[in-house]
Amino acid sequence: MSEQKPPSKTFKQVRADQLEYNAKRESGYRERALKIYPWICGRCAREFDRRNLSELTVHHVDHNHDNNPGDGSNWELLCIYCHDEEHSKFESYVRYGSAGATAVKPATHNPFANLKAKMEGKD
């Protein structure tokens, strides 16, 4: 008596399952990160609002998507372009070592630099 294998999932089913899993996992830390941090890309300093917020992603600094401390210390908000660049750099680092990866300095613009003075009307 031979055992029958369960029918294998189609690509569409596997992809749908993966997208559902990603959405569930992301919904928690994405919402927390958007509450903690200003809606600004940490690399290019592009600002976001509700209209284009879907283009702002949560990047895991240590590249471990399961490392989600409550204080957000493993997250940074990046626009989709900077996020892709960050992962390309990491892939190059993994593949070629540190010589293949180039360091990108974070944005130096601070939109909240004079916030207190502006709120007091001293700008």
C-alpha atoms as a PDB file:
ATOM      1  CA  MET A   1       0.000   0.000   0.000  1.00  0.00           C
ATOM      2  CA  SER A   2       1.600   3.243  -1.146  1.00  0.00           C
ATOM      3  CA  GLU A   3       1.079   6.569   0.521  1.00  0.00           C
ATOM      4  CA  GLN A   4      -0.481   9.311  -1.527  1.00  0.00           C
ATOM      5  CA  LYS A   5       1.113  12.714  -1.381  1.00  0.00           C
ATOM      6  CA  PRO A   6      -1.154  15.655  -0.726  1.00  0.00           C
ATOM      7  CA  PRO A   7      -1.596  17.774  -3.833  1.00  0.00           C
ATOM      8  CA  SER A   8       1.167  20.347  -4.118  1.00  0.00           C
ATOM      9  CA  LYS A   9       0.265  23.993  -3.981  1.00  0.00           C
ATOM     10  CA  THR A  10       0.358  26.062  -7.119  1.00  0.00           C
ATOM     11  CA  PHE A  11       2.630  29.061  -7.350  1.00  0.00           C
ATOM     12  CA  LYS A  12      -0.353  31.377  -6.925  1.00  0.00           C
ATOM     13  CA  GLN A  13      -1.358  29.625  -3.693  1.00  0.00           C
ATOM     14  CA  VAL A  14       2.178  29.730  -2.287  1.00  0.00           C
ATOM     15  CA  ARG A  15       2.538  33.389  -3.263  1.00  0.00           C
ATOM     16  CA  ALA A  16      -0.840  34.268  -1.716  1.00  0.00           C
ATOM     17  CA  ASP A  17       0.120  32.483   1.521  1.00  0.00           C
ATOM     18  CA  GLN A  18       3.440  34.351   1.629  1.00  0.00           C
ATOM     19  CA  LEU A  19       1.797  37.726   1.008  1.00  0.00           C
ATOM     20  CA  GLU A  20      -0.747  37.031   3.762  1.00  0.00           C
ATOM     21  CA  TYR A  21       2.034  36.046   6.176  1.00  0.00           C
ATOM     22  CA  ASN A  22       4.053  39.165   5.291  1.00  0.00           C
ATOM     23  CA  ALA A  23       1.021  41.420   5.770  1.00  0.00           C
ATOM     24  CA  LYS A  24       0.251  39.937   9.199  1.00  0.00           C
ATOM     25  CA  ARG A  25       3.865  40.204  10.348  1.00  0.00           C
ATOM     26  CA  GLU A  26       4.307  43.709   8.964  1.00  0.00           C
ATOM     27  CA  SER A  27       1.048  45.131  10.275  1.00  0.00           C
ATOM     28  CA  GLY A  28       2.346  45.140  13.837  1.00  0.00           C
ATOM     29  CA  TYR A  29       5.767  46.697  13.494  1.00  0.00           C
ATOM     30  CA  ARG A  30       4.887  48.999  10.591  1.00  0.00           C
ATOM     31  CA  GLU A  31       2.087  50.634  12.545  1.00  0.00           C
ATOM     32  CA  ARG A  32       4.313  51.001  15.614  1.00  0.00           C
ATOM     33  CA  ALA A  33       7.183  52.475  13.583  1.00  0.00           C
ATOM     34  CA  LEU A  34       4.868  54.997  11.921  1.00  0.00           C
ATOM     35  CA  LYS A  35       3.719  56.127  15.376  1.00  0.00           C
ATOM     36  CA  ILE A  36       7.258  56.401  16.786  1.00  0.00           C
ATOM     37  CA  TYR A  37       9.107  58.099  13.931  1.00  0.00           C
ATOM     38  CA  PRO A  38       8.338  61.151  11.792  1.00  0.00           C
ATOM     39  CA  TRP A  39       7.246  60.248   8.257  1.00  0.00           C
ATOM     40  CA  ILE A  40      10.576  61.123   6.670  1.00  0.00           C
ATOM     41  CA  CYS A  41      13.026  58.875   4.808  1.00  0.00           C
ATOM     42  CA  GLY A  42      16.096  58.321   6.961  1.00  0.00           C
ATOM     43  CA  ARG A  43      18.415  58.475   3.927  1.00  0.00           C
ATOM     44  CA  CYS A  44      17.156  61.082   1.449  1.00  0.00           C
ATOM     45  CA  ALA A  45      14.976  63.091   3.897  1.00  0.00           C
ATOM     46  CA  ARG A  46      11.936  62.934   1.604  1.00  0.00           C
ATOM     47  CA  GLU A  47       8.803  63.803   3.588  1.00  0.00           C
ATOM     48  CA  PHE A  48       5.589  61.769   3.430  1.00  0.00           C
ATOM     49  CA  ASP A  49       1.927  62.337   4.179  1.00  0.00           C
ATOM     50  CA  ARG A  50      -1.135  60.113   4.140  1.00  0.00           C
ATOM     51  CA  ARG A  51      -1.397  60.387   0.352  1.00  0.00           C
ATOM     52  CA  ASN A  52       1.999  58.766  -0.350  1.00  0.00           C
ATOM     53  CA  LEU A  53       2.642  56.925   2.928  1.00  0.00           C
ATOM     54  CA  SER A  54       2.581  53.551   1.140  1.00  0.00           C
ATOM     55  CA  GLU A  55       5.962  54.522  -0.379  1.00  0.00           C
ATOM     56  CA  LEU A  56       7.560  54.728   3.083  1.00  0.00           C
ATOM     57  CA  THR A  57       8.864  51.385   4.325  1.00  0.00           C
ATOM     58  CA  VAL A  58      10.187  50.056   7.613  1.00  0.00           C
ATOM     59  CA  HIS A  59      13.756  48.834   7.226  1.00  0.00           C
ATOM     60  CA  HIS A  60      15.236  46.448   9.780  1.00  0.00           C
ATOM     61  CA  VAL A  61      18.734  47.721  10.529  1.00  0.00           C
ATOM     62  CA  ASP A  62      20.088  44.248  11.290  1.00  0.00           C
ATOM     63  CA  HIS A  63      18.123  42.725   8.349  1.00  0.00           C
ATOM     64  CA  ASN A  64      16.283  40.389  10.748  1.00  0.00           C
ATOM     65  CA  HIS A  65      12.551  40.855  10.223  1.00  0.00           C
ATOM     66  CA  ASP A  66      11.779  38.945  13.394  1.00  0.00           C
ATOM     67  CA  ASN A  67      13.794  41.364  15.569  1.00  0.00           C
ATOM     68  CA  ASN A  68      11.141  43.947  16.458  1.00  0.00           C
ATOM     69  CA  PRO A  69      11.927  45.563  19.825  1.00  0.00           C
ATOM     70  CA  GLY A  70       9.162  47.740  21.218  1.00  0.00           C
ATOM     71  CA  ASP A  71      11.361  50.848  21.268  1.00  0.00           C
ATOM     72  CA  GLY A  72      11.936  50.638  17.498  1.00  0.00           C
ATOM     73  CA  SER A  73      15.719  50.496  17.856  1.00  0.00           C
ATOM     74  CA  ASN A  74      16.018  48.026  14.958  1.00  0.00           C
ATOM     75  CA  TRP A  75      13.898  50.063  12.551  1.00  0.00           C
ATOM     76  CA  GLU A  76      14.353  53.019  10.306  1.00  0.00           C
ATOM     77  CA  LEU A  77      11.865  54.480   7.888  1.00  0.00           C
ATOM     78  CA  LEU A  78      13.109  54.543   4.306  1.00  0.00           C
ATOM     79  CA  CYS A  79      11.406  55.431   1.042  1.00  0.00           C
ATOM     80  CA  ILE A  80      11.036  52.527  -1.366  1.00  0.00           C
ATOM     81  CA  TYR A  81      14.031  53.685  -3.415  1.00  0.00           C
ATOM     82  CA  CYS A  82      16.415  54.034  -0.473  1.00  0.00           C
ATOM     83  CA  HIS A  83      15.113  50.744   0.951  1.00  0.00           C
ATOM     84  CA  ASP A  84      15.921  48.935  -2.299  1.00  0.00           C
ATOM     85  CA  GLU A  85      19.383  50.527  -2.296  1.00  0.00           C
ATOM     86  CA  GLU A  86      19.973  49.448   1.302  1.00  0.00           C
ATOM     87  CA  HIS A  87      19.110  45.847   0.479  1.00  0.00           C
ATOM     88  CA  SER A  88      21.292  45.953  -2.639  1.00  0.00           C
ATOM     89  CA  LYS A  89      24.205  47.123  -0.498  1.00  0.00           C
ATOM     90  CA  PHE A  90      23.564  44.340   1.992  1.00  0.00           C
ATOM     91  CA  GLU A  91      23.382  41.753  -0.780  1.00  0.00           C
ATOM     92  CA  SER A  92      26.698  43.032  -2.166  1.00  0.00           C
ATOM     93  CA  TYR A  93      28.220  42.880   1.301  1.00  0.00           C
ATOM     94  CA  VAL A  94      27.068  39.284   1.768  1.00  0.00           C
ATOM     95  CA  ARG A  95      28.241  38.279  -1.681  1.00  0.00           C
ATOM     96  CA  TYR A  96      31.529  40.204  -1.951  1.00  0.00           C
ATOM     97  CA  GLY A  97      32.461  41.302   1.561  1.00  0.00           C
ATOM     98  CA  SER A  98      33.004  44.808   2.796  1.00  0.00           C
ATOM     99  CA  ALA A  99      34.996  45.895  -0.264  1.00  0.00           C
ATOM    100  CA  GLY A 100      31.887  45.574  -2.458  1.00  0.00           C
ATOM    101  CA  ALA A 101      29.621  47.580  -0.183  1.00  0.00           C
ATOM    102  CA  THR A 102      29.755  51.353  -0.174  1.00  0.00           C
ATOM    103  CA  ALA A 103      28.786  53.354   2.862  1.00  0.00           C
ATOM    104  CA  VAL A 104      25.904  55.796   2.464  1.00  0.00           C
ATOM    105  CA  LYS A 105      25.729  58.473   5.089  1.00  0.00           C
ATOM    106  CA  PRO A 106      22.317  59.128   6.624  1.00  0.00           C
ATOM    107  CA  ALA A 107      20.527  62.357   5.846  1.00  0.00           C
ATOM    108  CA  THR A 108      21.704  65.322   7.903  1.00  0.00           C
ATOM    109  CA  HIS A 109      18.575  67.448   7.464  1.00  0.00           C
ATOM    110  CA  ASN A 110      16.727  67.844  10.759  1.00  0.00           C
ATOM    111  CA  PRO A 111      13.171  69.083  10.144  1.00  0.00           C
ATOM    112  CA  PHE A 112      12.623  69.524  13.883  1.00  0.00           C
ATOM    113  CA  ALA A 113      15.755  71.575  14.557  1.00  0.00           C
ATOM    114  CA  ASN A 114      13.940  74.783  15.527  1.00  0.00           C
ATOM    115  CA  LEU A 115      10.608  73.280  16.473  1.00  0.00           C
ATOM    116  CA  LYS A 116      10.446  74.823  19.951  1.00  0.00           C
ATOM    117  CA  ALA A 117      11.212  78.303  18.640  1.00  0.00           C
ATOM    118  CA  LYS A 118       8.677  77.910  15.837  1.00  0.00           C
ATOM    119  CA  MET A 119       5.989  76.783  18.268  1.00  0.00           C
ATOM    120  CA  GLU A 120       6.682  79.805  20.449  1.00  0.00           C
ATOM    121  CA  GLY A 121       6.469  82.072  17.403  1.00  0.00           C
ATOM    122  CA  LYS A 122      10.149  83.040  17.488  1.00  0.00           C
ATOM    123  CA  ASP A 123      11.069  81.789  14.025  1.00  0.00           C
END
